[in-house]
Amino acid sequence: MDIIDKVAWLYILDRKVLFARTKDNPLFYTVGGKRKFGESDVQVLIREVEEETGVTLDALSFSHIHTFIGPADRHPGQEVRLKCFVAVGDKLPEPRGEIEELAWFGLDDGDRTTIPGRSVLNWLYVAKLID
């Protein structure tokens, strides 16, 4: 089975975590994206977060917190591996590029995201990082 390799920035503020929604899609996703050939985790996130939110991440501040595996919502029969990091950014995020909307999610927002997104919310809740 093909696994879709994605890297995500988990930006937590006031006990909520940042999610993003692309144009013409009702579901929200973690901020980040797919790796281009040869990119490291840090390179992926620096590029994707800048494109999606305008935030520049500090490459020295990255910390891997968890990796999630679950069904890909747009590719039946495939799984997504979502490697999640926290990192320090230079400003507050704003929607950019393909992102239509940013939203702060707590555990009760699971119905607005994918199965891997719900896994992220559940894990952060159990870890007492979000409400």
C-alpha atoms as a PDB file:
ATOM      1  CA  MET A   1       0.000   0.000   0.000  1.00  0.00           C
ATOM      2  CA  ASP A   2       1.254   3.464  -0.893  1.00  0.00           C
ATOM      3  CA  ILE A   3       1.723   5.780   2.056  1.00  0.00           C
ATOM      4  CA  ILE A   4       1.324   9.516   1.518  1.00  0.00           C
ATOM      5  CA  ASP A   5       4.182  11.215   3.356  1.00  0.00           C
ATOM      6  CA  LYS A   6       3.146  14.497   5.003  1.00  0.00           C
ATOM      7  CA  VAL A   7       4.739  16.764   7.578  1.00  0.00           C
ATOM      8  CA  ALA A   8       2.687  19.022   9.860  1.00  0.00           C
ATOM      9  CA  TRP A   9       3.294  22.054  12.064  1.00  0.00           C
ATOM     10  CA  LEU A  10       1.241  21.899  15.247  1.00  0.00           C
ATOM     11  CA  TYR A  11       0.957  25.493  16.369  1.00  0.00           C
ATOM     12  CA  ILE A  12      -0.801  25.602  19.731  1.00  0.00           C
ATOM     13  CA  LEU A  13      -2.072  28.880  21.157  1.00  0.00           C
ATOM     14  CA  ASP A  14      -4.504  29.358  24.050  1.00  0.00           C
ATOM     15  CA  ARG A  15      -5.044  25.573  24.239  1.00  0.00           C
ATOM     16  CA  LYS A  16      -6.167  25.335  20.598  1.00  0.00           C
ATOM     17  CA  VAL A  17      -4.235  24.029  17.576  1.00  0.00           C
ATOM     18  CA  LEU A  18      -4.117  25.669  14.163  1.00  0.00           C
ATOM     19  CA  PHE A  19      -5.838  23.965  11.210  1.00  0.00           C
ATOM     20  CA  ALA A  20      -6.241  25.132   7.606  1.00  0.00           C
ATOM     21  CA  ARG A  21      -8.881  24.706   4.916  1.00  0.00           C
ATOM     22  CA  THR A  22      -8.067  24.915   1.221  1.00  0.00           C
ATOM     23  CA  LYS A  23     -10.348  26.490  -1.336  1.00  0.00           C
ATOM     24  CA  ASP A  24     -13.271  24.302  -2.449  1.00  0.00           C
ATOM     25  CA  ASN A  25     -12.801  21.817   0.405  1.00  0.00           C
ATOM     26  CA  PRO A  26     -15.096  21.582   3.436  1.00  0.00           C
ATOM     27  CA  LEU A  27     -12.525  19.775   5.625  1.00  0.00           C
ATOM     28  CA  PHE A  28      -9.683  21.315   7.617  1.00  0.00           C
ATOM     29  CA  TYR A  29      -6.170  19.853   7.710  1.00  0.00           C
ATOM     30  CA  THR A  30      -3.084  20.352   9.810  1.00  0.00           C
ATOM     31  CA  VAL A  31      -0.786  23.063   8.458  1.00  0.00           C
ATOM     32  CA  GLY A  32       2.010  21.583   6.343  1.00  0.00           C
ATOM     33  CA  GLY A  33       2.138  19.294   3.370  1.00  0.00           C
ATOM     34  CA  LYS A  34       3.842  16.761   1.185  1.00  0.00           C
ATOM     35  CA  ARG A  35       7.563  16.378   0.799  1.00  0.00           C
ATOM     36  CA  LYS A  36       9.237  17.287  -2.472  1.00  0.00           C
ATOM     37  CA  PHE A  37      12.049  15.000  -3.623  1.00  0.00           C
ATOM     38  CA  GLY A  38      15.089  15.301  -1.368  1.00  0.00           C
ATOM     39  CA  GLU A  39      13.512  17.626   1.227  1.00  0.00           C
ATOM     40  CA  SER A  40      14.086  17.069   4.931  1.00  0.00           C
ATOM     41  CA  ASP A  41      11.235  17.374   7.426  1.00  0.00           C
ATOM     42  CA  VAL A  42      12.427  20.852   8.400  1.00  0.00           C
ATOM     43  CA  GLN A  43      12.703  21.989   4.771  1.00  0.00           C
ATOM     44  CA  VAL A  44       9.173  20.764   3.996  1.00  0.00           C
ATOM     45  CA  LEU A  45       7.671  22.610   6.925  1.00  0.00           C
ATOM     46  CA  ILE A  46       9.579  25.836   6.394  1.00  0.00           C
ATOM     47  CA  ARG A  47       8.395  25.906   2.758  1.00  0.00           C
ATOM     48  CA  GLU A  48       4.799  24.782   3.366  1.00  0.00           C
ATOM     49  CA  VAL A  49       4.156  26.949   6.431  1.00  0.00           C
ATOM     50  CA  GLU A  50       5.492  30.023   4.615  1.00  0.00           C
ATOM     51  CA  GLU A  51       3.284  29.270   1.582  1.00  0.00           C
ATOM     52  CA  GLU A  52       0.153  28.566   3.645  1.00  0.00           C
ATOM     53  CA  THR A  53       0.419  31.100   6.484  1.00  0.00           C
ATOM     54  CA  GLY A  54       3.209  33.601   5.761  1.00  0.00           C
ATOM     55  CA  VAL A  55       5.022  32.455   8.927  1.00  0.00           C
ATOM     56  CA  THR A  56       8.771  31.833   8.817  1.00  0.00           C
ATOM     57  CA  LEU A  57       9.739  28.989  11.158  1.00  0.00           C
ATOM     58  CA  ASP A  58      13.010  28.953  13.080  1.00  0.00           C
ATOM     59  CA  ALA A  59      14.861  25.882  11.769  1.00  0.00           C
ATOM     60  CA  LEU A  60      16.656  25.407  15.107  1.00  0.00           C
ATOM     61  CA  SER A  61      13.413  25.287  17.115  1.00  0.00           C
ATOM     62  CA  PHE A  62      11.883  22.128  15.573  1.00  0.00           C
ATOM     63  CA  SER A  63      10.806  19.312  17.865  1.00  0.00           C
ATOM     64  CA  HIS A  64       9.081  16.133  16.633  1.00  0.00           C
ATOM     65  CA  ILE A  65       6.145  15.344  18.898  1.00  0.00           C
ATOM     66  CA  HIS A  66       4.343  12.421  17.264  1.00  0.00           C
ATOM     67  CA  THR A  67       3.679  10.584  13.982  1.00  0.00           C
ATOM     68  CA  PHE A  68       0.147   9.546  13.032  1.00  0.00           C
ATOM     69  CA  ILE A  69      -0.932   7.024  10.397  1.00  0.00           C
ATOM     70  CA  GLY A  70      -4.482   6.869   9.085  1.00  0.00           C
ATOM     71  CA  PRO A  71      -6.639   6.635   5.972  1.00  0.00           C
ATOM     72  CA  ALA A  72      -6.175   9.309   3.334  1.00  0.00           C
ATOM     73  CA  ASP A  73      -9.461  11.126   2.800  1.00  0.00           C
ATOM     74  CA  ARG A  74      -9.004  11.930  -0.907  1.00  0.00           C
ATOM     75  CA  HIS A  75      -7.257   8.695  -1.912  1.00  0.00           C
ATOM     76  CA  PRO A  76      -9.337   5.603  -1.012  1.00  0.00           C
ATOM     77  CA  GLY A  77      -7.207   2.627  -0.085  1.00  0.00           C
ATOM     78  CA  GLN A  78      -4.172   4.747   0.773  1.00  0.00           C
ATOM     79  CA  GLU A  79      -2.820   5.803   4.121  1.00  0.00           C
ATOM     80  CA  VAL A  80      -1.236   9.052   5.183  1.00  0.00           C
ATOM     81  CA  ARG A  81       1.743   9.266   7.528  1.00  0.00           C
ATOM     82  CA  LEU A  82       1.590  12.611   9.312  1.00  0.00           C
ATOM     83  CA  LYS A  83       4.849  13.477  11.049  1.00  0.00           C
ATOM     84  CA  CYS A  84       4.064  16.330  13.456  1.00  0.00           C
ATOM     85  CA  PHE A  85       6.392  18.997  14.802  1.00  0.00           C
ATOM     86  CA  VAL A  86       6.236  22.070  16.962  1.00  0.00           C
ATOM     87  CA  ALA A  87       8.433  25.023  16.001  1.00  0.00           C
ATOM     88  CA  VAL A  88       8.700  28.736  16.701  1.00  0.00           C
ATOM     89  CA  GLY A  89       7.401  31.147  14.071  1.00  0.00           C
ATOM     90  CA  ASP A  90       8.097  34.834  13.500  1.00  0.00           C
ATOM     91  CA  LYS A  91       4.492  36.140  13.532  1.00  0.00           C
ATOM     92  CA  LEU A  92       0.843  35.163  13.752  1.00  0.00           C
ATOM     93  CA  PRO A  93      -0.400  33.103  10.789  1.00  0.00           C
ATOM     94  CA  GLU A  94      -2.695  34.423   8.051  1.00  0.00           C
ATOM     95  CA  PRO A  95      -4.253  32.441   5.181  1.00  0.00           C
ATOM     96  CA  ARG A  96      -2.067  32.525   2.065  1.00  0.00           C
ATOM     97  CA  GLY A  97      -1.885  30.811  -1.322  1.00  0.00           C
ATOM     98  CA  GLU A  98      -4.270  27.876  -1.564  1.00  0.00           C
ATOM     99  CA  ILE A  99      -5.512  28.381   2.017  1.00  0.00           C
ATOM    100  CA  GLU A 100      -8.934  29.962   2.270  1.00  0.00           C
ATOM    101  CA  GLU A 101      -9.347  29.803   6.038  1.00  0.00           C
ATOM    102  CA  LEU A 102      -7.378  29.156   9.215  1.00  0.00           C
ATOM    103  CA  ALA A 103      -9.130  28.035  12.396  1.00  0.00           C
ATOM    104  CA  TRP A 104      -8.174  27.168  15.961  1.00  0.00           C
ATOM    105  CA  PHE A 105      -9.367  23.678  16.908  1.00  0.00           C
ATOM    106  CA  GLY A 106     -10.044  21.961  20.194  1.00  0.00           C
ATOM    107  CA  LEU A 107     -11.204  18.400  20.767  1.00  0.00           C
ATOM    108  CA  ASP A 108     -14.816  19.307  19.911  1.00  0.00           C
ATOM    109  CA  ASP A 109     -13.853  20.302  16.350  1.00  0.00           C
ATOM    110  CA  GLY A 110     -13.076  16.756  15.197  1.00  0.00           C
ATOM    111  CA  ASP A 111     -16.112  16.638  12.900  1.00  0.00           C
ATOM    112  CA  ARG A 112     -14.525  19.411  10.775  1.00  0.00           C
ATOM    113  CA  THR A 113     -11.371  17.441   9.902  1.00  0.00           C
ATOM    114  CA  THR A 114     -10.135  14.086   8.577  1.00  0.00           C
ATOM    115  CA  ILE A 115      -9.531  10.858  10.507  1.00  0.00           C
ATOM    116  CA  PRO A 116      -5.795  11.673  10.899  1.00  0.00           C
ATOM    117  CA  GLY A 117      -6.813  15.195  11.975  1.00  0.00           C
ATOM    118  CA  ARG A 118      -9.078  13.715  14.651  1.00  0.00           C
ATOM    119  CA  SER A 119      -6.189  11.523  15.792  1.00  0.00           C
ATOM    120  CA  VAL A 120      -4.058  14.658  16.203  1.00  0.00           C
ATOM    121  CA  LEU A 121      -6.793  16.374  18.236  1.00  0.00           C
ATOM    122  CA  ASN A 122      -7.318  13.306  20.452  1.00  0.00           C
ATOM    123  CA  TRP A 123      -3.591  12.914  21.080  1.00  0.00           C
ATOM    124  CA  LEU A 124      -3.134  16.602  21.931  1.00  0.00           C
ATOM    125  CA  TYR A 125      -6.131  16.440  24.277  1.00  0.00           C
ATOM    126  CA  VAL A 126      -4.817  13.354  26.095  1.00  0.00           C
ATOM    127  CA  ALA A 127      -1.411  15.062  26.347  1.00  0.00           C
ATOM    128  CA  LYS A 128      -3.243  17.994  27.996  1.00  0.00           C
ATOM    129  CA  LEU A 129      -2.062  20.444  25.324  1.00  0.00           C
ATOM    130  CA  ILE A 130      -5.533  21.429  24.046  1.00  0.00           C
ATOM    131  CA  ASP A 131      -9.039  21.534  25.488  1.00  0.00           C
END
